[in-house]
Amino acid sequence: MTYSLGETIRKIWELSGFTALTWQELVMLLVSFVLIYLAIVKKFEPLLLLPIAFGMLLANLPMTDLLAPPSDGQAGGLLYYLYQGIELGIYPPLIFLGIGAMTDFGPLIARPSSLFLGAAAQFGIYIAFMAAIALGFTPEEAASIGIIGGADGPTAIWLTSKLANELLPAIAIAAYSYMALIPMIQPPLMRLLTTQKEREVKMEQLREVSKLEKIVFPIIVTVLCTFLLPSVAPLIGMLMLGNLLRESGVVDRLSKTAQNELINIVTIFLGITVGSKAVGEKFLQPKTLMIIGLGLTAFAFSTIGGLLLGKLMYWISGGKINPLIGSAGVSAVPMAARVSQVEGQKANPGNYLLMHAMGPNVAGVIGSAVAAGIFYALFGK
């Protein structure tokens, strides 16, 4: 059978994706372009925002079948198989393995009271959870929304994939967007809730932590957390294994692999598959805007919780603890600690809060994982 030039062009047009493009897909394509711009030009969490944005782009190109499950003996789409790493709960713990290998828990060990600041900075999780319940979300959905307040993307993805998989794109994008916006969100709250005198406080140098303490710490934390809350074992276990690889000093190759090649590969897979779930007809709903608003509420109240406890510790210590380090209790490592440092130096150019803020910062990683474990224990199947 032969076709004229006009028929050939018409046939190609009919088989192209242009004829199947919906307005929802078009909107999501535009959103993906904006996110790509923010990742590349504005450098908003580019390591994850860029693959998330490109995954969103791929998912909303019509007729690709990238997300199609296997059927009738035919293989499924590429993104369907990559998504199994989230579906089966594999990617987030592997991310935690890499984070553990990159994290120095020394400041937390040197000042154990930082654990309380890390716990206080999870306050927004529970505020957002209750607000989401009041707005009509199910407990599973509310828990997934609330965990945004921990400012920990992998934890938010892990819990949401377990409890409310259909909300994963909105929650992941909200979590990583607010993490990227920490330098904009936190400083106004820090200045509002602390006095000039409090912000000027210079803290004493932390004591030196021994190698033995650094080796024993991840083992003790793993045992205690897992005994108290078995459901948190995948996240805490991998986080502490990564840290033990780092601190043991006998497996440098494994530690470097976890810090570099492994976490980079998993980050690509995690980002592109999370973005691929942002399909227009499911994503463009009023519920998505509510999630983004509740996520901001969670993040703000987490910052407030850390600052208020920091002020209490300032008073108890007789003015020796700068309350600004409390805001670093959200687990966005090390960005939140850097914001505490910047605000402290604005108040007092001789201030150096970074290492002091790293204690609450890494405590926040543990705190958000524990909060996720509590929610999973309560509402998981």
Protein backbone atom coordinates (compact mmCIF):
# COMPACT_ATOMS: atom_id res chain seq x y z
CA MET A 1 0.00 0.00 0.00
CA THR A 2 1.32 3.39 -0.96
CA TYR A 3 0.42 6.78 0.48
CA SER A 4 0.51 10.20 -1.05
CA LEU A 5 2.63 12.86 0.65
CA GLY A 6 -0.45 14.39 2.25
CA GLU A 7 -1.70 11.02 3.55
CA THR A 8 1.75 10.20 4.91
CA ILE A 9 1.91 13.48 6.82
CA ARG A 10 -1.64 12.94 8.13
CA LYS A 11 -0.78 9.39 9.22
CA ILE A 12 2.37 10.52 11.04
CA TRP A 13 0.36 13.27 12.76
CA GLU A 14 -2.33 10.82 13.91
CA LEU A 15 0.31 8.49 15.36
CA SER A 16 2.15 11.28 17.13
CA GLY A 17 1.70 12.25 20.73
CA PHE A 18 0.38 15.71 19.80
CA THR A 19 -3.07 14.28 19.06
CA ALA A 20 -3.27 12.62 22.49
CA LEU A 21 -1.97 15.56 24.56
CA THR A 22 -4.43 16.64 27.28
CA TRP A 23 -4.54 20.04 28.99
CA GLN A 24 -3.46 18.40 32.27
CA GLU A 25 -0.36 16.94 30.61
CA LEU A 26 0.40 20.30 29.01
CA VAL A 27 0.20 22.04 32.39
CA MET A 28 2.48 19.45 33.99
CA LEU A 29 4.98 19.81 31.15
CA LEU A 30 5.09 23.55 31.85
CA VAL A 31 5.53 22.84 35.58
CA SER A 32 8.42 20.51 34.78
CA PHE A 33 10.07 23.26 32.71
CA VAL A 34 9.76 25.66 35.68
CA LEU A 35 11.31 23.09 38.04
CA ILE A 36 14.16 22.45 35.61
CA TYR A 37 14.76 26.22 35.51
CA LEU A 38 14.77 26.42 39.33
CA ALA A 39 17.18 23.49 39.56
CA ILE A 40 19.66 24.72 36.95
CA VAL A 41 19.45 28.51 37.17
CA LYS A 42 18.43 29.07 40.81
CA LYS A 43 20.19 25.92 42.09
CA PHE A 44 17.23 24.90 44.30
CA GLU A 45 18.20 21.40 45.52
CA PRO A 46 19.39 20.52 41.98
CA LEU A 47 20.62 17.02 42.86
CA LEU A 48 17.04 15.87 43.34
CA LEU A 49 14.90 18.60 41.81
CA LEU A 50 16.44 18.12 38.35
CA PRO A 51 15.75 14.36 38.10
CA ILE A 52 12.29 14.87 39.67
CA ALA A 53 11.49 17.53 37.07
CA PHE A 54 12.71 15.37 34.21
CA GLY A 55 10.76 12.38 35.52
CA MET A 56 7.67 14.61 35.53
CA LEU A 57 8.48 15.62 31.95
CA LEU A 58 8.75 11.99 30.80
CA ALA A 59 5.56 10.92 32.62
CA ASN A 60 3.46 13.59 30.89
CA LEU A 61 4.63 12.91 27.35
CA PRO A 62 1.67 11.02 25.84
CA MET A 63 1.77 7.52 24.33
CA THR A 64 5.20 6.61 25.72
CA ASP A 65 3.98 3.78 28.00
CA LEU A 66 6.94 4.43 30.28
CA LEU A 67 4.75 3.77 33.33
CA ALA A 68 2.81 0.86 31.87
CA PRO A 69 2.83 -2.34 33.96
CA PRO A 70 3.59 -5.66 32.28
CA SER A 71 0.57 -7.33 30.63
CA ASP A 72 -0.18 -10.19 28.26
CA GLY A 73 3.41 -11.33 28.32
CA GLN A 74 4.70 -7.87 27.35
CA ALA A 75 7.31 -6.12 29.46
CA GLY A 76 6.33 -2.98 31.34
CA GLY A 77 7.73 0.50 30.81
CA LEU A 78 11.16 1.55 32.06
CA LEU A 79 9.80 3.87 34.77
CA TYR A 80 7.45 1.15 36.02
CA TYR A 81 10.43 -1.04 36.86
CA LEU A 82 12.53 1.78 38.30
CA TYR A 83 9.60 2.73 40.53
CA GLN A 84 9.74 -0.64 42.23
CA GLY A 85 12.68 0.72 44.23
CA ILE A 86 10.20 3.06 45.93
CA GLU A 87 7.31 0.61 45.95
CA LEU A 88 9.45 -1.96 47.76
CA GLY A 89 11.04 0.60 50.11
CA ILE A 90 14.58 0.23 48.74
CA TYR A 91 15.72 3.69 47.62
CA PRO A 92 15.15 5.79 50.79
CA PRO A 93 17.14 3.48 53.11
CA LEU A 94 19.99 3.42 50.58
CA ILE A 95 19.94 7.23 50.55
CA PHE A 96 20.19 7.09 54.34
CA LEU A 97 23.19 4.78 54.02
CA GLY A 98 24.96 7.47 52.01
CA ILE A 99 23.86 10.25 54.36
CA GLY A 100 25.20 8.29 57.32
CA ALA A 101 28.55 7.85 55.59
CA MET A 102 28.77 11.61 54.98
CA THR A 103 27.67 12.70 58.47
CA ASP A 104 29.84 13.51 61.45
CA PHE A 105 27.88 12.79 64.64
CA GLY A 106 30.69 14.28 66.73
CA PRO A 107 28.85 17.53 67.59
CA LEU A 108 25.83 15.54 68.77
CA ILE A 109 27.97 13.22 70.89
CA ALA A 110 29.85 16.20 72.36
CA ARG A 111 26.59 17.87 73.39
CA PRO A 112 23.87 15.21 73.90
CA SER A 113 21.36 17.92 74.82
CA SER A 114 21.21 18.58 71.06
CA LEU A 115 18.93 15.55 70.88
CA PHE A 116 16.22 17.58 72.61
CA LEU A 117 16.55 20.36 70.04
CA GLY A 118 16.31 17.79 67.24
CA ALA A 119 13.17 16.37 68.87
CA ALA A 120 11.59 19.81 69.42
CA ALA A 121 12.12 20.64 65.75
CA GLN A 122 9.74 17.82 64.81
CA PHE A 123 6.91 19.84 66.38
CA GLY A 124 5.58 20.90 62.98
CA ILE A 125 5.09 17.27 61.96
CA TYR A 126 2.39 16.80 64.56
CA ILE A 127 0.83 20.24 64.02
CA ALA A 128 0.45 19.54 60.30
CA PHE A 129 -0.83 16.03 61.05
CA MET A 130 -3.65 17.40 63.22
CA ALA A 131 -4.42 20.17 60.71
CA ALA A 132 -4.64 17.64 57.87
CA ILE A 133 -7.02 15.48 59.92
CA ALA A 134 -9.19 18.57 60.54
CA LEU A 135 -9.26 19.24 56.78
CA GLY A 136 -10.59 15.78 56.04
CA PHE A 137 -7.49 13.80 55.13
CA THR A 138 -7.27 10.21 56.34
CA PRO A 139 -4.82 9.45 59.17
CA GLU A 140 -2.49 7.76 56.65
CA GLU A 141 -2.56 10.81 54.37
CA ALA A 142 -2.20 13.21 57.31
CA ALA A 143 0.86 11.34 58.60
CA SER A 144 2.46 11.50 55.15
CA ILE A 145 1.76 15.24 54.92
CA GLY A 146 2.98 15.94 58.43
CA ILE A 147 6.36 14.30 57.87
CA ILE A 148 7.20 17.13 55.45
CA GLY A 149 7.89 19.14 58.61
CA GLY A 150 10.94 17.00 59.27
CA ALA A 151 12.62 18.55 56.20
CA ASP A 152 13.90 15.12 55.22
CA GLY A 153 13.05 14.14 51.67
CA PRO A 154 13.97 10.42 51.79
CA THR A 155 11.99 9.95 55.02
CA ALA A 156 8.96 11.70 53.52
CA ILE A 157 9.17 9.51 50.42
CA TRP A 158 9.61 6.31 52.46
CA LEU A 159 6.61 6.98 54.71
CA THR A 160 4.34 8.22 51.91
CA SER A 161 5.12 5.20 49.74
CA LYS A 162 3.99 3.03 52.65
CA LEU A 163 0.88 4.94 53.75
CA ALA A 164 -0.44 7.15 50.93
CA ASN A 165 1.28 6.29 47.67
CA GLU A 166 -1.09 8.42 45.58
CA LEU A 167 0.15 11.57 47.37
CA LEU A 168 3.83 10.83 46.71
CA PRO A 169 4.50 13.38 43.93
CA ALA A 170 2.95 16.32 45.78
CA ILE A 171 4.61 15.44 49.09
CA ALA A 172 8.03 14.81 47.53
CA ILE A 173 7.97 18.06 45.56
CA ALA A 174 6.78 20.01 48.63
CA ALA A 175 9.42 18.44 50.87
CA TYR A 176 12.34 19.17 48.55
CA SER A 177 11.04 22.62 47.61
CA TYR A 178 10.89 23.72 51.24
CA MET A 179 14.30 22.20 51.93
CA ALA A 180 15.67 24.33 49.11
CA LEU A 181 13.91 27.41 50.49
CA ILE A 182 15.32 27.09 54.02
CA PRO A 183 17.48 30.25 53.61
CA MET A 184 14.27 32.17 52.84
CA ILE A 185 11.81 30.54 55.26
CA GLN A 186 13.82 30.27 58.46
CA PRO A 187 15.59 33.67 58.96
CA PRO A 188 12.38 35.74 59.43
CA LEU A 189 11.18 33.27 62.07
CA MET A 190 14.59 33.27 63.75
CA ARG A 191 14.62 37.06 64.01
CA LEU A 192 10.98 37.18 65.13
CA LEU A 193 11.37 34.70 68.00
CA THR A 194 14.80 35.65 69.35
CA THR A 195 16.21 38.87 70.76
CA GLN A 196 19.36 40.61 69.57
CA LYS A 197 21.04 39.66 72.85
CA GLU A 198 20.19 35.98 72.37
CA ARG A 199 21.46 35.95 68.78
CA GLU A 200 24.77 37.51 69.85
CA VAL A 201 25.65 34.68 72.28
CA LYS A 202 29.03 33.07 71.53
CA MET A 203 29.13 29.42 72.54
CA GLU A 204 32.11 27.60 74.03
CA GLN A 205 34.11 25.25 71.84
CA LEU A 206 32.83 21.68 71.83
CA ARG A 207 34.89 19.02 73.54
CA GLU A 208 36.88 16.62 71.40
CA VAL A 209 35.06 13.36 70.78
CA SER A 210 37.10 10.15 70.90
CA LYS A 211 37.20 7.59 68.10
CA LEU A 212 35.73 4.97 70.43
CA GLU A 213 32.69 7.18 71.11
CA LYS A 214 32.14 7.69 67.39
CA ILE A 215 32.28 3.93 66.73
CA VAL A 216 30.02 2.95 69.61
CA PHE A 217 27.43 5.67 68.96
CA PRO A 218 25.84 4.26 65.74
CA ILE A 219 25.68 0.77 67.28
CA ILE A 220 23.93 1.99 70.44
CA VAL A 221 21.49 4.19 68.51
CA THR A 222 20.58 1.32 66.18
CA VAL A 223 19.94 -1.07 69.05
CA LEU A 224 17.96 1.38 71.21
CA CYS A 225 15.83 2.83 68.40
CA THR A 226 15.04 -0.54 66.89
CA PHE A 227 14.12 -2.11 70.22
CA LEU A 228 11.84 0.83 71.02
CA LEU A 229 10.40 1.16 67.51
CA PRO A 230 11.08 -1.83 65.22
CA SER A 231 9.40 -0.16 62.23
CA VAL A 232 12.19 2.44 62.06
CA ALA A 233 14.88 -0.20 61.46
CA PRO A 234 15.21 0.33 57.66
CA LEU A 235 15.99 4.05 57.99
CA ILE A 236 17.91 4.18 61.28
CA GLY A 237 19.73 0.92 60.50
CA MET A 238 21.04 2.14 57.15
CA LEU A 239 21.84 5.61 58.51
CA MET A 240 23.93 4.17 61.31
CA LEU A 241 25.56 1.53 59.12
CA GLY A 242 26.75 4.30 56.80
CA ASN A 243 28.13 6.21 59.78
CA LEU A 244 29.87 3.11 61.13
CA LEU A 245 31.52 2.58 57.73
CA ARG A 246 32.81 6.14 58.00
CA GLU A 247 34.00 6.07 61.60
CA SER A 248 35.44 2.54 61.79
CA GLY A 249 38.36 3.53 59.57
CA VAL A 250 38.79 0.00 58.20
CA VAL A 251 36.45 0.11 55.15
CA ASP A 252 37.37 3.33 53.37
CA ARG A 253 36.39 1.89 49.99
CA LEU A 254 32.89 1.05 51.20
CA SER A 255 32.53 4.39 52.94
CA LYS A 256 33.57 6.33 49.84
CA THR A 257 31.27 4.22 47.65
CA ALA A 258 28.31 4.94 49.96
CA GLN A 259 29.16 8.66 49.98
CA ASN A 260 29.61 8.97 46.23
CA GLU A 261 28.74 6.32 43.63
CA LEU A 262 25.93 4.57 45.51
CA ILE A 263 24.08 7.65 46.76
CA ASN A 264 24.45 9.36 43.37
CA ILE A 265 23.00 6.40 41.46
CA VAL A 266 20.12 5.96 43.89
CA THR A 267 19.43 9.73 43.85
CA ILE A 268 18.95 9.61 40.07
CA PHE A 269 16.57 6.65 40.29
CA LEU A 270 14.70 8.10 43.25
CA GLY A 271 14.25 11.52 41.66
CA ILE A 272 13.14 10.37 38.23
CA THR A 273 10.65 7.83 39.60
CA VAL A 274 9.12 10.28 42.11
CA GLY A 275 8.68 12.80 39.31
CA SER A 276 7.17 10.16 37.07
CA LYS A 277 4.20 9.80 39.45
CA ALA A 278 3.20 13.45 38.87
CA VAL A 279 0.81 12.59 36.04
CA GLY A 280 -1.42 15.54 35.18
CA GLU A 281 -4.86 14.05 35.72
CA LYS A 282 -3.91 12.82 39.21
CA PHE A 283 -1.64 15.67 40.29
CA LEU A 284 -3.76 18.69 39.30
CA GLN A 285 -6.29 18.52 42.12
CA PRO A 286 -7.25 20.88 44.98
CA LYS A 287 -5.73 18.33 47.35
CA THR A 288 -2.28 19.08 45.93
CA LEU A 289 -2.50 22.77 46.86
CA MET A 290 -3.67 21.81 50.35
CA ILE A 291 -0.66 19.51 50.74
CA ILE A 292 1.75 22.26 49.68
CA GLY A 293 0.15 24.68 52.17
CA LEU A 294 0.20 22.14 55.00
CA GLY A 295 3.81 21.32 54.19
CA LEU A 296 4.79 24.96 54.65
CA THR A 297 2.87 25.00 57.94
CA ALA A 298 4.71 21.89 59.09
CA PHE A 299 8.09 23.33 58.18
CA ALA A 300 7.40 26.67 59.88
CA PHE A 301 6.22 25.07 63.13
CA SER A 302 9.20 22.71 63.17
CA THR A 303 11.50 25.73 63.00
CA ILE A 304 9.46 27.44 65.74
CA GLY A 305 9.60 24.35 67.97
CA GLY A 306 13.39 24.20 67.75
CA LEU A 307 13.77 27.93 68.41
CA LEU A 308 11.46 27.90 71.45
CA LEU A 309 13.35 25.04 73.06
CA GLY A 310 16.57 26.85 72.19
CA LYS A 311 15.30 29.88 74.11
CA LEU A 312 14.45 27.66 77.07
CA MET A 313 17.95 26.16 77.01
CA TYR A 314 19.39 29.69 76.78
CA TRP A 315 17.55 30.57 80.00
CA ILE A 316 18.44 27.31 81.80
CA SER A 317 22.12 27.60 80.85
CA GLY A 318 22.32 31.20 82.04
CA GLY A 319 22.81 32.57 78.55
CA LYS A 320 25.45 30.10 77.37
CA ILE A 321 23.42 28.50 74.54
CA ASN A 322 22.47 30.52 71.47
CA PRO A 323 18.82 29.69 70.66
CA LEU A 324 19.50 30.07 66.93
CA ILE A 325 20.94 26.55 66.88
CA GLY A 326 17.46 25.23 67.70
CA SER A 327 16.24 26.08 64.20
CA ALA A 328 18.85 23.64 62.83
CA GLY A 329 16.92 20.80 64.46
CA VAL A 330 15.07 20.27 61.19
CA SER A 331 16.99 17.56 59.41
CA ALA A 332 18.07 19.38 56.26
CA VAL A 333 21.79 18.64 56.68
CA PRO A 334 23.86 20.84 56.55
CA MET A 335 21.81 23.70 55.09
CA ALA A 336 19.84 24.44 58.28
CA ALA A 337 23.08 24.56 60.31
CA ARG A 338 24.55 27.01 57.81
CA VAL A 339 21.50 29.28 58.17
CA SER A 340 22.04 29.32 61.96
CA GLN A 341 25.67 30.25 61.35
CA VAL A 342 24.76 33.08 58.96
CA GLU A 343 22.14 34.57 61.28
CA GLY A 344 24.49 34.30 64.25
CA GLN A 345 27.23 36.16 62.40
CA LYS A 346 24.84 38.90 61.35
CA ALA A 347 24.15 39.55 65.04
CA ASN A 348 27.77 39.11 66.11
CA PRO A 349 30.52 38.99 63.43
CA GLY A 350 32.71 36.98 65.81
CA ASN A 351 30.10 34.28 66.23
CA TYR A 352 30.78 30.78 64.98
CA LEU A 353 27.75 28.54 65.45
CA LEU A 354 28.18 26.02 62.63
CA MET A 355 29.55 23.08 64.61
CA HIS A 356 27.18 23.80 67.51
CA ALA A 357 24.25 23.82 65.08
CA MET A 358 25.36 20.54 63.49
CA GLY A 359 24.46 18.71 66.71
CA PRO A 360 20.72 19.54 66.50
CA ASN A 361 20.93 19.19 62.72
CA VAL A 362 22.02 15.55 62.73
CA ALA A 363 19.73 14.88 65.72
CA GLY A 364 16.91 16.06 63.46
CA VAL A 365 17.73 13.30 60.97
CA ILE A 366 17.24 10.74 63.73
CA GLY A 367 14.15 12.58 65.00
CA SER A 368 12.38 12.66 61.65
CA ALA A 369 13.12 8.97 61.07
CA VAL A 370 11.71 8.12 64.50
CA ALA A 371 8.60 10.23 63.80
CA ALA A 372 8.12 8.35 60.53
CA GLY A 373 8.53 5.06 62.39
CA ILE A 374 5.87 6.08 64.91
CA PHE A 375 3.41 6.95 62.14
CA TYR A 376 4.13 3.71 60.32
CA ALA A 377 3.66 1.70 63.49
CA LEU A 378 0.31 3.41 64.10
CA PHE A 379 -1.13 3.48 60.60
CA GLY A 380 0.89 1.00 58.50
CA LYS A 381 -0.70 -2.19 57.28
